[in-house]
C-alpha atoms as a PDB file:
ATOM      1  CA  MET A   1     116.453 103.198 123.814  1.00  0.00           C
ATOM      2  CA  LYS A   2     119.111 103.440 121.157  1.00  0.00           C
ATOM      3  CA  ARG A   3     121.792 102.763 123.773  1.00  0.00           C
ATOM      4  CA  VAL A   4     119.904  99.676 124.930  1.00  0.00           C
ATOM      5  CA  ARG A   5     119.757  98.330 121.389  1.00  0.00           C
ATOM      6  CA  GLU A   6     123.442  99.028 120.835  1.00  0.00           C
ATOM      7  CA  GLY A   7     124.309  97.334 124.137  1.00  0.00           C
ATOM      8  CA  ILE A   8     122.366  94.210 123.212  1.00  0.00           C
ATOM      9  CA  TYR A   9     123.914  94.203 119.756  1.00  0.00           C
ATOM     10  CA  GLU A  10     127.427  94.437 121.220  1.00  0.00           C
ATOM     11  CA  LYS A  11     126.734  91.575 123.673  1.00  0.00           C
ATOM     12  CA  PHE A  12     125.562  89.374 120.822  1.00  0.00           C
ATOM     13  CA  LYS A  13     128.613  90.250 118.738  1.00  0.00           C
ATOM     14  CA  PHE A  14     130.908  89.568 121.688  1.00  0.00           C
ATOM     15  CA  ALA A  15     129.282  86.142 122.109  1.00  0.00           C
ATOM     16  CA  GLU A  16     129.887  85.557 118.390  1.00  0.00           C
ATOM     17  CA  ALA A  17     126.197  85.164 117.617  1.00  0.00           C
ATOM     18  CA  SER A  18     125.183  84.475 114.047  1.00  0.00           C
ATOM     19  CA  GLU A  19     124.123  87.269 111.732  1.00  0.00           C
ATOM     20  CA  GLU A  20     120.626  85.772 111.643  1.00  0.00           C
ATOM     21  CA  ALA A  21     120.346  86.040 115.439  1.00  0.00           C
ATOM     22  CA  LEU A  22     121.565  89.634 115.302  1.00  0.00           C
ATOM     23  CA  SER A  23     119.022  90.521 112.628  1.00  0.00           C
ATOM     24  CA  VAL A  24     116.222  88.953 114.717  1.00  0.00           C
ATOM     25  CA  VAL A  25     117.253  91.035 117.733  1.00  0.00           C
ATOM     26  CA  VAL A  26     117.343  94.232 115.671  1.00  0.00           C
ATOM     27  CA  ASP A  27     113.965  93.406 114.098  1.00  0.00           C
ATOM     28  CA  CYS A  28     112.402  92.731 117.515  1.00  0.00           C
ATOM     29  CA  TYR A  29     113.773  96.002 118.842  1.00  0.00           C
ATOM     30  CA  GLU A  30     112.322  97.946 115.902  1.00  0.00           C
ATOM     31  CA  LYS A  31     108.901  96.323 116.386  1.00  0.00           C
ATOM     32  CA  PHE A  32     109.019  97.087 120.111  1.00  0.00           C
ATOM     33  CA  ASP A  33     109.922 100.701 119.362  1.00  0.00           C
ATOM     34  CA  LEU A  34     106.959 101.023 116.970  1.00  0.00           C
ATOM     35  CA  PHE A  35     104.629  99.451 119.531  1.00  0.00           C
ATOM     36  CA  MET A  36     105.761 101.810 122.297  1.00  0.00           C
ATOM     37  CA  GLY A  37     105.258 104.793 119.971  1.00  0.00           C
ATOM     38  CA  HIS A  38     101.720 103.584 119.316  1.00  0.00           C
ATOM     39  CA  ARG A  39     101.034 103.220 123.051  1.00  0.00           C
ATOM     40  CA  LEU A  40     102.307 106.751 123.670  1.00  0.00           C
ATOM     41  CA  ARG A  41      99.988 108.143 120.979  1.00  0.00           C
ATOM     42  CA  VAL A  42      97.034 106.248 122.477  1.00  0.00           C
ATOM     43  CA  VAL A  43      97.654 107.659 125.965  1.00  0.00           C
ATOM     44  CA  ASN A  44      98.029 111.167 124.553  1.00  0.00           C
ATOM     45  CA  GLN A  45      94.790 110.803 122.579  1.00  0.00           C
ATOM     46  CA  GLN A  46      92.903 109.483 125.612  1.00  0.00           C
ATOM     47  CA  ARG A  47      94.033 112.418 127.744  1.00  0.00           C
ATOM     48  CA  ALA A  48      92.952 114.912 125.086  1.00  0.00           C
ATOM     49  CA  LEU A  49      89.556 113.221 124.679  1.00  0.00           C
ATOM     50  CA  HIS A  50      89.035 113.201 128.441  1.00  0.00           C
ATOM     51  CA  GLU A  51      89.798 116.935 128.614  1.00  0.00           C
ATOM     52  CA  LEU A  52      87.384 117.660 125.745  1.00  0.00           C
ATOM     53  CA  TRP A  53      84.697 115.566 127.409  1.00  0.00           C
ATOM     54  CA  GLN A  54      85.131 117.361 130.741  1.00  0.00           C
ATOM     55  CA  ASN A  55      84.926 120.784 129.065  1.00  0.00           C
ATOM     56  CA  MET A  56      81.759 119.804 127.191  1.00  0.00           C
ATOM     57  CA  LYS A  57      80.253 118.439 130.403  1.00  0.00           C
ATOM     58  CA  LYS A  58      80.972 121.702 132.267  1.00  0.00           C
ATOM     59  CA  ARG A  59      79.398 123.746 129.458  1.00  0.00           C
ATOM     60  CA  CYS A  60      76.290 121.578 129.481  1.00  0.00           C
ATOM     61  CA  ILE A  61      75.915 121.914 133.248  1.00  0.00           C
ATOM     62  CA  ASN A  62      76.604 125.669 133.346  1.00  0.00           C
ATOM     63  CA  ASP A  63      74.653 126.667 130.240  1.00  0.00           C
ATOM     64  CA  THR A  64      71.946 124.017 130.532  1.00  0.00           C
ATOM     65  CA  GLY A  65      72.744 122.833 127.030  1.00  0.00           C
ATOM     66  CA  SER A  66      75.366 122.680 124.341  1.00  0.00           C
ATOM     67  CA  ASN A  67      75.521 122.816 120.570  1.00  0.00           C
ATOM     68  CA  GLN A  68      78.618 120.625 120.312  1.00  0.00           C
ATOM     69  CA  ILE A  69      79.168 116.945 119.690  1.00  0.00           C
ATOM     70  CA  LEU A  70      82.201 114.722 120.094  1.00  0.00           C
ATOM     71  CA  LEU A  71      82.403 112.051 117.408  1.00  0.00           C
ATOM     72  CA  VAL A  72      85.115 109.424 117.757  1.00  0.00           C
ATOM     73  CA  ILE A  73      85.856 107.056 114.907  1.00  0.00           C
ATOM     74  CA  ASP A  74      88.174 104.292 116.003  1.00  0.00           C
ATOM     75  CA  PHE A  75      89.890 101.995 113.549  1.00  0.00           C
ATOM     76  CA  LYS A  76      90.916  98.850 115.367  1.00  0.00           C
ATOM     77  CA  MET A  77      94.605  98.099 115.086  1.00  0.00           C
ATOM     78  CA  GLU A  78      94.983  94.345 114.899  1.00  0.00           C
ATOM     79  CA  VAL A  79      98.225  93.128 116.320  1.00  0.00           C
ATOM     80  CA  GLY A  80      98.620  89.393 116.156  1.00  0.00           C
ATOM     81  CA  PRO A  81     101.589  87.178 116.838  1.00  0.00           C
ATOM     82  CA  LEU A  82     103.840  86.408 113.907  1.00  0.00           C
ATOM     83  CA  TYR A  83     105.457  83.016 114.097  1.00  0.00           C
ATOM     84  CA  PHE A  84     108.644  81.810 112.448  1.00  0.00           C
ATOM     85  CA  ARG A  85     108.056  80.987 108.774  1.00  0.00           C
ATOM     86  CA  GLU A  86     104.550  82.443 108.837  1.00  0.00           C
ATOM     87  CA  ASN A  87     103.614  84.368 105.707  1.00  0.00           C
ATOM     88  CA  TYR A  88     100.789  86.795 105.064  1.00  0.00           C
END
């Protein structure tokens, strides 16, 4: 991903883009990188939860009961669009 960002940056510099345009591109890339990291963590968490759930299910079926519980607390991550000149 770093090579992609550097390639885009070089193309913009070659086209003599303004510094503001370059900073927007870099900022967008950083936000995209953070978002993709979040998505990767979500997929990893879902796989782990599915495995835990399957193991608990097998124990309940085999032992006719279980003394375990799976409690999931999910904090919603709000991602909304941010428009030019919008302040929070």
